[in-house]
Amino acid sequence: MNTKELAILLDVSEANARRITHIQGAPVLRIGRDIRIIISKLDQFLEEHIGEVL
């Protein structure tokens, strides 16, 4: 999943989706300048950050 798809899934702006990918521990794989979100680990990551401002 890329950041545009993440933004759609979470109903946030693409800028906010990119900010989420820069949080330490975010389930991402960086390939050059491309960022891919690891879907299988996304729910766990979000659950760990419930109540936080991301």
PDB file of N, CA and C in Angstrom:
ATOM      1  N   MET A   1       0.854  -1.163   0.000  1.00  0.00           N
ATOM      2  CA  MET A   1       0.000   0.000   0.000  1.00  0.00           C
ATOM      3  C   MET A   1       0.905   1.231   0.000  1.00  0.00           C
ATOM      4  N   ASN A   2       0.549   2.222  -0.789  1.00  0.00           N
ATOM      5  CA  ASN A   2       1.331   3.464  -0.794  1.00  0.00           C
ATOM      6  C   ASN A   2       0.633   4.526   0.065  1.00  0.00           C
ATOM      7  N   THR A   3       1.247   5.693   0.165  1.00  0.00           N
ATOM      8  CA  THR A   3       0.701   6.729   1.050  1.00  0.00           C
ATOM      9  C   THR A   3      -0.651   7.260   0.557  1.00  0.00           C
ATOM     10  N   LYS A   4      -0.854   7.289  -0.746  1.00  0.00           N
ATOM     11  CA  LYS A   4      -2.146   7.747  -1.266  1.00  0.00           C
ATOM     12  C   LYS A   4      -3.254   6.782  -0.841  1.00  0.00           C
ATOM     13  N   GLU A   5      -2.987   5.488  -0.942  1.00  0.00           N
ATOM     14  CA  GLU A   5      -3.967   4.485  -0.532  1.00  0.00           C
ATOM     15  C   GLU A   5      -4.186   4.520   0.981  1.00  0.00           C
ATOM     16  N   LEU A   6      -3.114   4.771   1.740  1.00  0.00           N
ATOM     17  CA  LEU A   6      -3.233   4.895   3.193  1.00  0.00           C
ATOM     18  C   LEU A   6      -4.132   6.074   3.549  1.00  0.00           C
ATOM     19  N   ALA A   7      -3.963   7.180   2.844  1.00  0.00           N
ATOM     20  CA  ALA A   7      -4.787   8.365   3.094  1.00  0.00           C
ATOM     21  C   ALA A   7      -6.265   8.060   2.861  1.00  0.00           C
ATOM     22  N   ILE A   8      -6.554   7.328   1.811  1.00  0.00           N
ATOM     23  CA  ILE A   8      -7.943   6.961   1.514  1.00  0.00           C
ATOM     24  C   ILE A   8      -8.482   6.028   2.596  1.00  0.00           C
ATOM     25  N   LEU A   9      -7.685   5.034   2.975  1.00  0.00           N
ATOM     26  CA  LEU A   9      -8.109   4.061   3.986  1.00  0.00           C
ATOM     27  C   LEU A   9      -8.414   4.723   5.322  1.00  0.00           C
ATOM     28  N   LEU A  10      -7.562   5.665   5.734  1.00  0.00           N
ATOM     29  CA  LEU A  10      -7.718   6.311   7.034  1.00  0.00           C
ATOM     30  C   LEU A  10      -8.552   7.587   6.971  1.00  0.00           C
ATOM     31  N   ASP A  11      -8.959   7.982   5.759  1.00  0.00           N
ATOM     32  CA  ASP A  11      -9.739   9.201   5.547  1.00  0.00           C
ATOM     33  C   ASP A  11      -9.006  10.424   6.095  1.00  0.00           C
ATOM     34  N   VAL A  12      -7.732  10.536   5.695  1.00  0.00           N
ATOM     35  CA  VAL A  12      -6.902  11.686   6.053  1.00  0.00           C
ATOM     36  C   VAL A  12      -6.272  12.233   4.780  1.00  0.00           C
ATOM     37  N   SER A  13      -5.640  13.383   4.886  1.00  0.00           N
ATOM     38  CA  SER A  13      -4.964  13.947   3.720  1.00  0.00           C
ATOM     39  C   SER A  13      -3.713  13.129   3.411  1.00  0.00           C
ATOM     40  N   GLU A  14      -3.222  13.256   2.187  1.00  0.00           N
ATOM     41  CA  GLU A  14      -1.984  12.564   1.820  1.00  0.00           C
ATOM     42  C   GLU A  14      -0.814  13.077   2.652  1.00  0.00           C
ATOM     43  N   ALA A  15      -0.828  14.361   2.988  1.00  0.00           N
ATOM     44  CA  ALA A  15       0.243  14.924   3.822  1.00  0.00           C
ATOM     45  C   ALA A  15       0.247  14.258   5.196  1.00  0.00           C
ATOM     46  N   ASN A  16      -0.931  14.061   5.781  1.00  0.00           N
ATOM     47  CA  ASN A  16      -1.003  13.390   7.080  1.00  0.00           C
ATOM     48  C   ASN A  16      -0.601  11.927   6.967  1.00  0.00           C
ATOM     49  N   ALA A  17      -0.942  11.280   5.878  1.00  0.00           N
ATOM     50  CA  ALA A  17      -0.526   9.890   5.671  1.00  0.00           C
ATOM     51  C   ALA A  17       1.000   9.811   5.611  1.00  0.00           C
ATOM     52  N   ARG A  18       1.631  10.771   4.935  1.00  0.00           N
ATOM     53  CA  ARG A  18       3.104  10.793   4.876  1.00  0.00           C
ATOM     54  C   ARG A  18       3.691  11.033   6.260  1.00  0.00           C
ATOM     55  N   ARG A  19       3.069  11.898   7.045  1.00  0.00           N
ATOM     56  CA  ARG A  19       3.555  12.147   8.414  1.00  0.00           C
ATOM     57  C   ARG A  19       3.519  10.863   9.237  1.00  0.00           C
ATOM     58  N   ILE A  20       2.464  10.100   9.086  1.00  0.00           N
ATOM     59  CA  ILE A  20       2.345   8.839   9.822  1.00  0.00           C
ATOM     60  C   ILE A  20       3.497   7.904   9.469  1.00  0.00           C
ATOM     61  N   THR A  21       3.898   7.880   8.204  1.00  0.00           N
ATOM     62  CA  THR A  21       4.978   6.971   7.796  1.00  0.00           C
ATOM     63  C   THR A  21       6.325   7.374   8.374  1.00  0.00           C
ATOM     64  N   HIS A  22       6.454   8.597   8.878  1.00  0.00           N
ATOM     65  CA  HIS A  22       7.729   9.045   9.451  1.00  0.00           C
ATOM     66  C   HIS A  22       7.815   8.810  10.957  1.00  0.00           C
ATOM     67  N   ILE A  23       6.756   8.302  11.565  1.00  0.00           N
ATOM     68  CA  ILE A  23       6.770   8.012  12.997  1.00  0.00           C
ATOM     69  C   ILE A  23       7.648   6.787  13.230  1.00  0.00           C
ATOM     70  N   GLN A  24       8.470   6.858  14.257  1.00  0.00           N
ATOM     71  CA  GLN A  24       9.341   5.727  14.575  1.00  0.00           C
ATOM     72  C   GLN A  24       8.496   4.488  14.850  1.00  0.00           C
ATOM     73  N   GLY A  25       8.860   3.398  14.235  1.00  0.00           N
ATOM     74  CA  GLY A  25       8.131   2.148  14.412  1.00  0.00           C
ATOM     75  C   GLY A  25       6.998   1.950  13.424  1.00  0.00           C
ATOM     76  N   ALA A  26       6.773   2.927  12.544  1.00  0.00           N
ATOM     77  CA  ALA A  26       5.715   2.790  11.541  1.00  0.00           C
ATOM     78  C   ALA A  26       6.039   1.601  10.637  1.00  0.00           C
ATOM     79  N   PRO A  27       5.024   0.831  10.263  1.00  0.00           N
ATOM     80  CA  PRO A  27       5.248  -0.370   9.454  1.00  0.00           C
ATOM     81  C   PRO A  27       5.465  -0.035   7.980  1.00  0.00           C
ATOM     82  N   VAL A  28       6.637   0.489   7.675  1.00  0.00           N
ATOM     83  CA  VAL A  28       6.915   0.918   6.309  1.00  0.00           C
ATOM     84  C   VAL A  28       8.175   0.262   5.770  1.00  0.00           C
ATOM     85  N   LEU A  29       8.221   0.188   4.464  1.00  0.00           N
ATOM     86  CA  LEU A  29       9.389  -0.268   3.734  1.00  0.00           C
ATOM     87  C   LEU A  29       9.739   0.854   2.770  1.00  0.00           C
ATOM     88  N   ARG A  30      10.943   1.357   2.872  1.00  0.00           N
ATOM     89  CA  ARG A  30      11.375   2.440   1.991  1.00  0.00           C
ATOM     90  C   ARG A  30      12.234   1.854   0.878  1.00  0.00           C
ATOM     91  N   ILE A  31      11.822   2.112  -0.352  1.00  0.00           N
ATOM     92  CA  ILE A  31      12.548   1.647  -1.529  1.00  0.00           C
ATOM     93  C   ILE A  31      12.924   2.896  -2.310  1.00  0.00           C
ATOM     94  N   GLY A  32      14.160   3.349  -2.119  1.00  0.00           N
ATOM     95  CA  GLY A  32      14.551   4.629  -2.704  1.00  0.00           C
ATOM     96  C   GLY A  32      13.695   5.718  -2.089  1.00  0.00           C
ATOM     97  N   ARG A  33      13.001   6.462  -2.929  1.00  0.00           N
ATOM     98  CA  ARG A  33      12.114   7.520  -2.434  1.00  0.00           C
ATOM     99  C   ARG A  33      10.684   7.029  -2.225  1.00  0.00           C
ATOM    100  N   ASP A  34      10.409   5.804  -2.659  1.00  0.00           N
ATOM    101  CA  ASP A  34       9.066   5.241  -2.514  1.00  0.00           C
ATOM    102  C   ASP A  34       8.863   4.688  -1.110  1.00  0.00           C
ATOM    103  N   ILE A  35       7.653   4.826  -0.620  1.00  0.00           N
ATOM    104  CA  ILE A  35       7.285   4.314   0.699  1.00  0.00           C
ATOM    105  C   ILE A  35       6.135   3.333   0.506  1.00  0.00           C
ATOM    106  N   ARG A  36       6.288   2.149   1.081  1.00  0.00           N
ATOM    107  CA  ARG A  36       5.227   1.146   1.057  1.00  0.00           C
ATOM    108  C   ARG A  36       4.862   0.800   2.491  1.00  0.00           C
ATOM    109  N   ILE A  37       3.579   0.780   2.769  1.00  0.00           N
ATOM    110  CA  ILE A  37       3.095   0.462   4.104  1.00  0.00           C
ATOM    111  C   ILE A  37       2.807  -1.030   4.149  1.00  0.00           C
ATOM    112  N   ILE A  38       3.274  -1.688   5.204  1.00  0.00           N
ATOM    113  CA  ILE A  38       3.061  -3.119   5.372  1.00  0.00           C
ATOM    114  C   ILE A  38       1.686  -3.303   6.013  1.00  0.00           C
ATOM    115  N   ILE A  39       0.740  -3.721   5.204  1.00  0.00           N
ATOM    116  CA  ILE A  39      -0.660  -3.790   5.624  1.00  0.00           C
ATOM    117  C   ILE A  39      -0.850  -4.725   6.813  1.00  0.00           C
ATOM    118  N   SER A  40      -0.145  -5.850   6.815  1.00  0.00           N
ATOM    119  CA  SER A  40      -0.339  -6.842   7.879  1.00  0.00           C
ATOM    120  C   SER A  40       0.057  -6.309   9.253  1.00  0.00           C
ATOM    121  N   LYS A  41       0.856  -5.256   9.315  1.00  0.00           N
ATOM    122  CA  LYS A  41       1.294  -4.694  10.593  1.00  0.00           C
ATOM    123  C   LYS A  41       0.636  -3.346  10.903  1.00  0.00           C
ATOM    124  N   LEU A  42      -0.166  -2.832   9.972  1.00  0.00           N
ATOM    125  CA  LEU A  42      -0.763  -1.511  10.136  1.00  0.00           C
ATOM    126  C   LEU A  42      -1.746  -1.455  11.308  1.00  0.00           C
ATOM    127  N   ASP A  43      -2.632  -2.433  11.431  1.00  0.00           N
ATOM    128  CA  ASP A  43      -3.614  -2.423  12.526  1.00  0.00           C
ATOM    129  C   ASP A  43      -2.932  -2.407  13.888  1.00  0.00           C
ATOM    130  N   GLN A  44      -1.912  -3.236  14.052  1.00  0.00           N
ATOM    131  CA  GLN A  44      -1.197  -3.289  15.329  1.00  0.00           C
ATOM    132  C   GLN A  44      -0.557  -1.941  15.637  1.00  0.00           C
ATOM    133  N   PHE A  45       0.056  -1.327  14.639  1.00  0.00           N
ATOM    134  CA  PHE A  45       0.688  -0.020  14.816  1.00  0.00           C
ATOM    135  C   PHE A  45      -0.342   1.018  15.251  1.00  0.00           C
ATOM    136  N   LEU A  46      -1.491   1.045  14.589  1.00  0.00           N
ATOM    137  CA  LEU A  46      -2.532   2.017  14.929  1.00  0.00           C
ATOM    138  C   LEU A  46      -3.091   1.763  16.325  1.00  0.00           C
ATOM    139  N   GLU A  47      -3.270   0.497  16.686  1.00  0.00           N
ATOM    140  CA  GLU A  47      -3.773   0.168  18.023  1.00  0.00           C
ATOM    141  C   GLU A  47      -2.799   0.620  19.107  1.00  0.00           C
ATOM    142  N   GLU A  48      -1.506   0.519  18.837  1.00  0.00           N
ATOM    143  CA  GLU A  48      -0.493   0.934  19.809  1.00  0.00           C
ATOM    144  C   GLU A  48      -0.488   2.447  20.016  1.00  0.00           C
ATOM    145  N   HIS A  49      -1.067   3.188  19.069  1.00  0.00           N
ATOM    146  CA  HIS A  49      -1.044   4.647  19.141  1.00  0.00           C
ATOM    147  C   HIS A  49      -2.428   5.253  19.375  1.00  0.00           C
ATOM    148  N   ILE A  50      -3.365   4.445  19.853  1.00  0.00           N
ATOM    149  CA  ILE A  50      -4.709   4.957  20.156  1.00  0.00           C
ATOM    150  C   ILE A  50      -4.601   6.057  21.212  1.00  0.00           C
ATOM    151  N   GLY A  51      -5.265   7.163  20.964  1.00  0.00           N
ATOM    152  CA  GLY A  51      -5.283   8.272  21.911  1.00  0.00           C
ATOM    153  C   GLY A  51      -4.155   9.268  21.719  1.00  0.00           C
ATOM    154  N   GLU A  52      -3.203   8.949  20.847  1.00  0.00           N
ATOM    155  CA  GLU A  52      -2.089   9.859  20.591  1.00  0.00           C
ATOM    156  C   GLU A  52      -2.405  10.738  19.389  1.00  0.00           C
ATOM    157  N   VAL A  53      -1.789  11.884  19.351  1.00  0.00           N
ATOM    158  CA  VAL A  53      -1.879  12.743  18.179  1.00  0.00           C
ATOM    159  C   VAL A  53      -0.729  12.347  17.271  1.00  0.00           C
ATOM    160  N   LEU A  54      -1.064  11.858  16.096  1.00  0.00           N
ATOM    161  CA  LEU A  54      -0.022  11.409  15.168  1.00  0.00           C
ATOM    162  C   LEU A  54       0.253  12.466  14.131  1.00  0.00           C
TER     163      LEU A  54
END
